[in-house]
PDB file of all heavy atoms in Angstrom:
ATOM      1  N   PRO A   1       8.968   1.887  18.917  1.00  0.00           N
ATOM      2  CA  PRO A   1       9.495   1.363  17.642  1.00  0.00           C
ATOM      3  C   PRO A   1       8.808   2.000  16.439  1.00  0.00           C
ATOM      4  O   PRO A   1       7.605   2.279  16.482  1.00  0.00           O
ATOM      5  CB  PRO A   1       9.189  -0.129  17.719  1.00  0.00           C
ATOM      6  CG  PRO A   1       8.023  -0.242  18.649  1.00  0.00           C
ATOM      7  CD  PRO A   1       8.189   0.862  19.648  1.00  0.00           C
ATOM      8  N   LEU A   2       9.575   2.220  15.382  1.00  0.00           N
ATOM      9  CA  LEU A   2       9.035   2.738  14.124  1.00  0.00           C
ATOM     10  C   LEU A   2       9.234   1.714  13.025  1.00  0.00           C
ATOM     11  O   LEU A   2      10.299   1.091  12.921  1.00  0.00           O
ATOM     12  CB  LEU A   2       9.710   4.053  13.717  1.00  0.00           C
ATOM     13  CG  LEU A   2       9.055   5.334  14.259  1.00  0.00           C
ATOM     14  CD1 LEU A   2       9.465   5.566  15.712  1.00  0.00           C
ATOM     15  CD2 LEU A   2       9.413   6.528  13.404  1.00  0.00           C
ATOM     16  N   CYS A   3       8.195   1.535  12.227  1.00  0.00           N
ATOM     17  CA  CYS A   3       8.296   0.680  11.048  1.00  0.00           C
ATOM     18  C   CYS A   3       8.967   1.473   9.927  1.00  0.00           C
ATOM     19  O   CYS A   3       9.181   2.684  10.054  1.00  0.00           O
ATOM     20  CB  CYS A   3       6.918   0.189  10.625  1.00  0.00           C
ATOM     21  SG  CYS A   3       5.821   1.476   9.996  1.00  0.00           S
ATOM     22  N   PRO A   4       9.334   0.827   8.817  1.00  0.00           N
ATOM     23  CA  PRO A   4       9.967   1.568   7.724  1.00  0.00           C
ATOM     24  C   PRO A   4       9.054   2.667   7.184  1.00  0.00           C
ATOM     25  O   PRO A   4       7.856   2.451   6.998  1.00  0.00           O
ATOM     26  CB  PRO A   4      10.209   0.483   6.665  1.00  0.00           C
ATOM     27  CG  PRO A   4      10.284  -0.794   7.437  1.00  0.00           C
ATOM     28  CD  PRO A   4       9.298  -0.620   8.555  1.00  0.00           C
ATOM     29  N   PRO A   5       9.589   3.854   6.930  1.00  0.00           N
ATOM     30  CA  PRO A   5       8.787   4.924   6.331  1.00  0.00           C
ATOM     31  C   PRO A   5       8.419   4.560   4.899  1.00  0.00           C
ATOM     32  O   PRO A   5       9.220   3.956   4.183  1.00  0.00           O
ATOM     33  CB  PRO A   5       9.717   6.140   6.376  1.00  0.00           C
ATOM     34  CG  PRO A   5      11.095   5.563   6.342  1.00  0.00           C
ATOM     35  CD  PRO A   5      11.004   4.273   7.107  1.00  0.00           C
ATOM     36  N   GLU A   6       7.217   4.906   4.498  1.00  0.00           N
ATOM     37  CA  GLU A   6       6.749   4.526   3.169  1.00  0.00           C
ATOM     38  C   GLU A   6       6.225   5.725   2.381  1.00  0.00           C
ATOM     39  O   GLU A   6       5.987   6.792   2.928  1.00  0.00           O
ATOM     40  CB  GLU A   6       5.654   3.456   3.272  1.00  0.00           C
ATOM     41  CG  GLU A   6       6.180   2.031   3.212  1.00  0.00           C
ATOM     42  CD  GLU A   6       6.860   1.705   1.882  1.00  0.00           C
ATOM     43  OE1 GLU A   6       6.752   2.487   0.923  1.00  0.00           O
ATOM     44  OE2 GLU A   6       7.509   0.657   1.806  1.00  0.00           O
ATOM     45  N   GLY A   7       6.034   5.495   1.092  1.00  0.00           N
ATOM     46  CA  GLY A   7       5.445   6.500   0.218  1.00  0.00           C
ATOM     47  C   GLY A   7       3.941   6.379   0.197  1.00  0.00           C
ATOM     48  O   GLY A   7       3.367   5.372   0.633  1.00  0.00           O
ATOM     49  N   ASP A   8       3.276   7.400  -0.326  1.00  0.00           N
ATOM     50  CA  ASP A   8       1.823   7.390  -0.358  1.00  0.00           C
ATOM     51  C   ASP A   8       1.270   6.305  -1.269  1.00  0.00           C
ATOM     52  O   ASP A   8       0.147   5.841  -1.074  1.00  0.00           O
ATOM     53  CB  ASP A   8       1.270   8.758  -0.750  1.00  0.00           C
ATOM     54  CG  ASP A   8       1.905   9.344  -2.009  1.00  0.00           C
ATOM     55  OD1 ASP A   8       2.762   8.683  -2.620  1.00  0.00           O
ATOM     56  OD2 ASP A   8       1.551  10.473  -2.372  1.00  0.00           O
ATOM     57  N   ALA A   9       2.050   5.862  -2.234  1.00  0.00           N
ATOM     58  CA  ALA A   9       1.587   4.759  -3.075  1.00  0.00           C
ATOM     59  C   ALA A   9       1.463   3.478  -2.259  1.00  0.00           C
ATOM     60  O   ALA A   9       0.476   2.738  -2.366  1.00  0.00           O
ATOM     61  CB  ALA A   9       2.548   4.549  -4.244  1.00  0.00           C
ATOM     62  N   GLY A  10       2.457   3.215  -1.425  1.00  0.00           N
ATOM     63  CA  GLY A  10       2.438   2.013  -0.596  1.00  0.00           C
ATOM     64  C   GLY A  10       1.319   2.025   0.420  1.00  0.00           C
ATOM     65  O   GLY A  10       0.646   1.012   0.633  1.00  0.00           O
ATOM     66  N   THR A  11       1.086   3.164   1.051  1.00  0.00           N
ATOM     67  CA  THR A  11       0.010   3.224   2.038  1.00  0.00           C
ATOM     68  C   THR A  11      -1.350   3.120   1.356  1.00  0.00           C
ATOM     69  O   THR A  11      -2.295   2.592   1.934  1.00  0.00           O
ATOM     70  CB  THR A  11       0.084   4.530   2.859  1.00  0.00           C
ATOM     71  OG1 THR A  11      -0.004   5.663   1.984  1.00  0.00           O
ATOM     72  CG2 THR A  11       1.390   4.598   3.634  1.00  0.00           C
ATOM     73  N   GLY A  12      -1.426   3.599   0.119  1.00  0.00           N
ATOM     74  CA  GLY A  12      -2.665   3.433  -0.639  1.00  0.00           C
ATOM     75  C   GLY A  12      -2.961   1.971  -0.920  1.00  0.00           C
ATOM     76  O   GLY A  12      -4.107   1.521  -0.834  1.00  0.00           O
ATOM     77  N   MET A  13      -1.925   1.207  -1.248  1.00  0.00           N
ATOM     78  CA  MET A  13      -2.101  -0.226  -1.475  1.00  0.00           C
ATOM     79  C   MET A  13      -2.569  -0.928  -0.208  1.00  0.00           C
ATOM     80  O   MET A  13      -3.441  -1.799  -0.241  1.00  0.00           O
ATOM     81  CB  MET A  13      -0.790  -0.844  -1.980  1.00  0.00           C
ATOM     82  CG  MET A  13      -0.480  -0.539  -3.425  1.00  0.00           C
ATOM     83  SD  MET A  13       0.971  -1.426  -4.049  1.00  0.00           S
ATOM     84  CE  MET A  13       2.279  -0.326  -3.536  1.00  0.00           C
ATOM     85  N   VAL A  14      -1.979  -0.561   0.919  1.00  0.00           N
ATOM     86  CA  VAL A  14      -2.367  -1.174   2.193  1.00  0.00           C
ATOM     87  C   VAL A  14      -3.791  -0.782   2.564  1.00  0.00           C
ATOM     88  O   VAL A  14      -4.603  -1.623   2.957  1.00  0.00           O
ATOM     89  CB  VAL A  14      -1.379  -0.758   3.305  1.00  0.00           C
ATOM     90  CG1 VAL A  14      -1.882  -1.205   4.672  1.00  0.00           C
ATOM     91  CG2 VAL A  14       0.001  -1.353   3.034  1.00  0.00           C
ATOM     92  N   ALA A  15      -4.122   0.502   2.420  1.00  0.00           N
ATOM     93  CA  ALA A  15      -5.450   0.989   2.814  1.00  0.00           C
ATOM     94  C   ALA A  15      -6.566   0.384   1.978  1.00  0.00           C
ATOM     95  O   ALA A  15      -7.723   0.365   2.403  1.00  0.00           O
ATOM     96  CB  ALA A  15      -5.495   2.513   2.720  1.00  0.00           C
ATOM     97  N   THR A  16      -6.233  -0.127   0.800  1.00  0.00           N
ATOM     98  CA  THR A  16      -7.239  -0.737  -0.074  1.00  0.00           C
ATOM     99  C   THR A  16      -7.062  -2.253  -0.190  1.00  0.00           C
ATOM    100  O   THR A  16      -7.710  -2.885  -1.022  1.00  0.00           O
ATOM    101  CB  THR A  16      -7.167  -0.113  -1.478  1.00  0.00           C
ATOM    102  OG1 THR A  16      -5.832  -0.217  -1.984  1.00  0.00           O
ATOM    103  CG2 THR A  16      -7.577   1.342  -1.443  1.00  0.00           C
ATOM    104  N   ASN A  17      -6.188  -2.818   0.625  1.00  0.00           N
ATOM    105  CA  ASN A  17      -5.932  -4.272   0.590  1.00  0.00           C
ATOM    106  C   ASN A  17      -5.627  -4.742  -0.825  1.00  0.00           C
ATOM    107  O   ASN A  17      -6.232  -5.685  -1.345  1.00  0.00           O
ATOM    108  CB  ASN A  17      -7.129  -5.046   1.152  1.00  0.00           C
ATOM    109  CG  ASN A  17      -6.792  -6.517   1.387  1.00  0.00           C
ATOM    110  OD1 ASN A  17      -5.618  -6.892   1.489  1.00  0.00           O
ATOM    111  ND2 ASN A  17      -7.809  -7.372   1.460  1.00  0.00           N
ATOM    112  N   SER A  18      -4.670  -4.088  -1.463  1.00  0.00           N
ATOM    113  CA  SER A  18      -4.312  -4.467  -2.830  1.00  0.00           C
ATOM    114  C   SER A  18      -2.805  -4.648  -2.962  1.00  0.00           C
ATOM    115  O   SER A  18      -2.144  -3.956  -3.720  1.00  0.00           O
ATOM    116  CB  SER A  18      -4.832  -3.423  -3.822  1.00  0.00           C
ATOM    117  OG  SER A  18      -4.495  -2.111  -3.430  1.00  0.00           O
ATOM    118  N   VAL A  19      -2.282  -5.594  -2.178  1.00  0.00           N
ATOM    119  CA  VAL A  19      -0.856  -5.928  -2.271  1.00  0.00           C
ATOM    120  C   VAL A  19      -0.636  -7.318  -2.861  1.00  0.00           C
ATOM    121  O   VAL A  19       0.503  -7.713  -3.100  1.00  0.00           O
ATOM    122  CB  VAL A  19      -0.144  -5.809  -0.896  1.00  0.00           C
ATOM    123  CG1 VAL A  19      -0.219  -4.389  -0.374  1.00  0.00           C
ATOM    124  CG2 VAL A  19      -0.716  -6.781   0.112  1.00  0.00           C
ATOM    125  N   ARG A  20      -1.715  -8.061  -3.098  1.00  0.00           N
ATOM    126  CA  ARG A  20      -1.578  -9.366  -3.759  1.00  0.00           C
ATOM    127  C   ARG A  20      -1.453  -9.179  -5.264  1.00  0.00           C
ATOM    128  O   ARG A  20      -1.922  -8.191  -5.830  1.00  0.00           O
ATOM    129  CB  ARG A  20      -2.785 -10.251  -3.468  1.00  0.00           C
ATOM    130  CG  ARG A  20      -2.822 -10.837  -2.089  1.00  0.00           C
ATOM    131  CD  ARG A  20      -3.790 -11.994  -1.993  1.00  0.00           C
ATOM    132  NE  ARG A  20      -3.915 -12.459  -0.632  1.00  0.00           N
ATOM    133  CZ  ARG A  20      -3.092 -13.323  -0.043  1.00  0.00           C
ATOM    134  NH1 ARG A  20      -2.071 -13.820  -0.739  1.00  0.00           N
ATOM    135  NH2 ARG A  20      -3.285 -13.697   1.216  1.00  0.00           N
ATOM    136  N   LYS A  21      -0.852 -10.149  -5.919  1.00  0.00           N
ATOM    137  CA  LYS A  21      -0.717 -10.130  -7.370  1.00  0.00           C
ATOM    138  C   LYS A  21      -2.101 -10.156  -8.021  1.00  0.00           C
ATOM    139  O   LYS A  21      -3.035 -10.738  -7.496  1.00  0.00           O
ATOM    140  CB  LYS A  21       0.125 -11.312  -7.852  1.00  0.00           C
ATOM    141  CG  LYS A  21       1.575 -11.250  -7.366  1.00  0.00           C
ATOM    142  CD  LYS A  21       2.399 -12.406  -7.915  1.00  0.00           C
ATOM    143  CE  LYS A  21       3.782 -12.446  -7.287  1.00  0.00           C
ATOM    144  NZ  LYS A  21       4.584 -11.251  -7.547  1.00  0.00           N
ATOM    145  N   ARG A  22      -2.214  -9.452  -9.173  1.00  0.00           N
ATOM    146  CA  ARG A  22      -3.447  -9.323  -9.959  1.00  0.00           C
ATOM    147  C   ARG A  22      -4.463  -8.381  -9.314  1.00  0.00           C
ATOM    148  O   ARG A  22      -5.605  -8.293  -9.747  1.00  0.00           O
ATOM    149  CB  ARG A  22      -4.102 -10.684 -10.234  1.00  0.00           C
ATOM    150  CG  ARG A  22      -3.271 -11.582 -11.124  1.00  0.00           C
ATOM    151  CD  ARG A  22      -3.892 -12.978 -11.216  1.00  0.00           C
ATOM    152  NE  ARG A  22      -5.205 -12.946 -11.831  1.00  0.00           N
ATOM    153  CZ  ARG A  22      -5.469 -13.321 -13.087  1.00  0.00           C
ATOM    154  NH1 ARG A  22      -4.489 -13.747 -13.872  1.00  0.00           N
ATOM    155  NH2 ARG A  22      -6.699 -13.287 -13.558  1.00  0.00           N
ATOM    156  N   THR A  23      -4.054  -7.678  -8.245  1.00  0.00           N
ATOM    157  CA  THR A  23      -4.926  -6.648  -7.677  1.00  0.00           C
ATOM    158  C   THR A  23      -4.310  -5.281  -7.965  1.00  0.00           C
ATOM    159  O   THR A  23      -3.146  -5.167  -8.332  1.00  0.00           O
ATOM    160  CB  THR A  23      -5.105  -6.818  -6.160  1.00  0.00           C
ATOM    161  OG1 THR A  23      -3.843  -6.614  -5.502  1.00  0.00           O
ATOM    162  CG2 THR A  23      -5.642  -8.186  -5.828  1.00  0.00           C
ATOM    163  N   GLY A  24      -5.115  -4.262  -7.802  1.00  0.00           N
ATOM    164  CA  GLY A  24      -4.618  -2.914  -8.033  1.00  0.00           C
ATOM    165  C   GLY A  24      -5.445  -1.901  -7.289  1.00  0.00           C
ATOM    166  O   GLY A  24      -6.514  -2.210  -6.746  1.00  0.00           O
ATOM    167  N   ASN A  25      -4.927  -0.682  -7.229  1.00  0.00           N
ATOM    168  CA  ASN A  25      -5.685   0.385  -6.598  1.00  0.00           C
ATOM    169  C   ASN A  25      -5.471   1.684  -7.336  1.00  0.00           C
ATOM    170  O   ASN A  25      -4.475   1.871  -8.042  1.00  0.00           O
ATOM    171  CB  ASN A  25      -5.320   0.523  -5.119  1.00  0.00           C
ATOM    172  CG  ASN A  25      -4.037   1.297  -4.899  1.00  0.00           C
ATOM    173  OD1 ASN A  25      -4.041   2.509  -4.711  1.00  0.00           O
ATOM    174  ND2 ASN A  25      -2.907   0.600  -4.940  1.00  0.00           N
ATOM    175  N   VAL A  26      -6.427   2.567  -7.193  1.00  0.00           N
ATOM    176  CA  VAL A  26      -6.332   3.918  -7.741  1.00  0.00           C
ATOM    177  C   VAL A  26      -6.421   4.889  -6.579  1.00  0.00           C
ATOM    178  O   VAL A  26      -7.356   4.811  -5.775  1.00  0.00           O
ATOM    179  CB  VAL A  26      -7.464   4.205  -8.748  1.00  0.00           C
ATOM    180  CG1 VAL A  26      -7.445   5.663  -9.172  1.00  0.00           C
ATOM    181  CG2 VAL A  26      -7.324   3.312  -9.962  1.00  0.00           C
ATOM    182  N   SER A  27      -5.445   5.784  -6.495  1.00  0.00           N
ATOM    183  CA  SER A  27      -5.407   6.777  -5.434  1.00  0.00           C
ATOM    184  C   SER A  27      -5.587   8.155  -6.067  1.00  0.00           C
ATOM    185  O   SER A  27      -4.844   8.534  -6.971  1.00  0.00           O
ATOM    186  CB  SER A  27      -4.079   6.722  -4.681  1.00  0.00           C
ATOM    187  OG  SER A  27      -4.021   7.691  -3.667  1.00  0.00           O
TER     188      SER A  27
END
């Protein structure tokens, strides 16, 4: 099975645990 393909912005958010509101990340 494959999950939905994503952009590097999305994987950056996941890799830094910044998908909650009021959080952010810099890639």
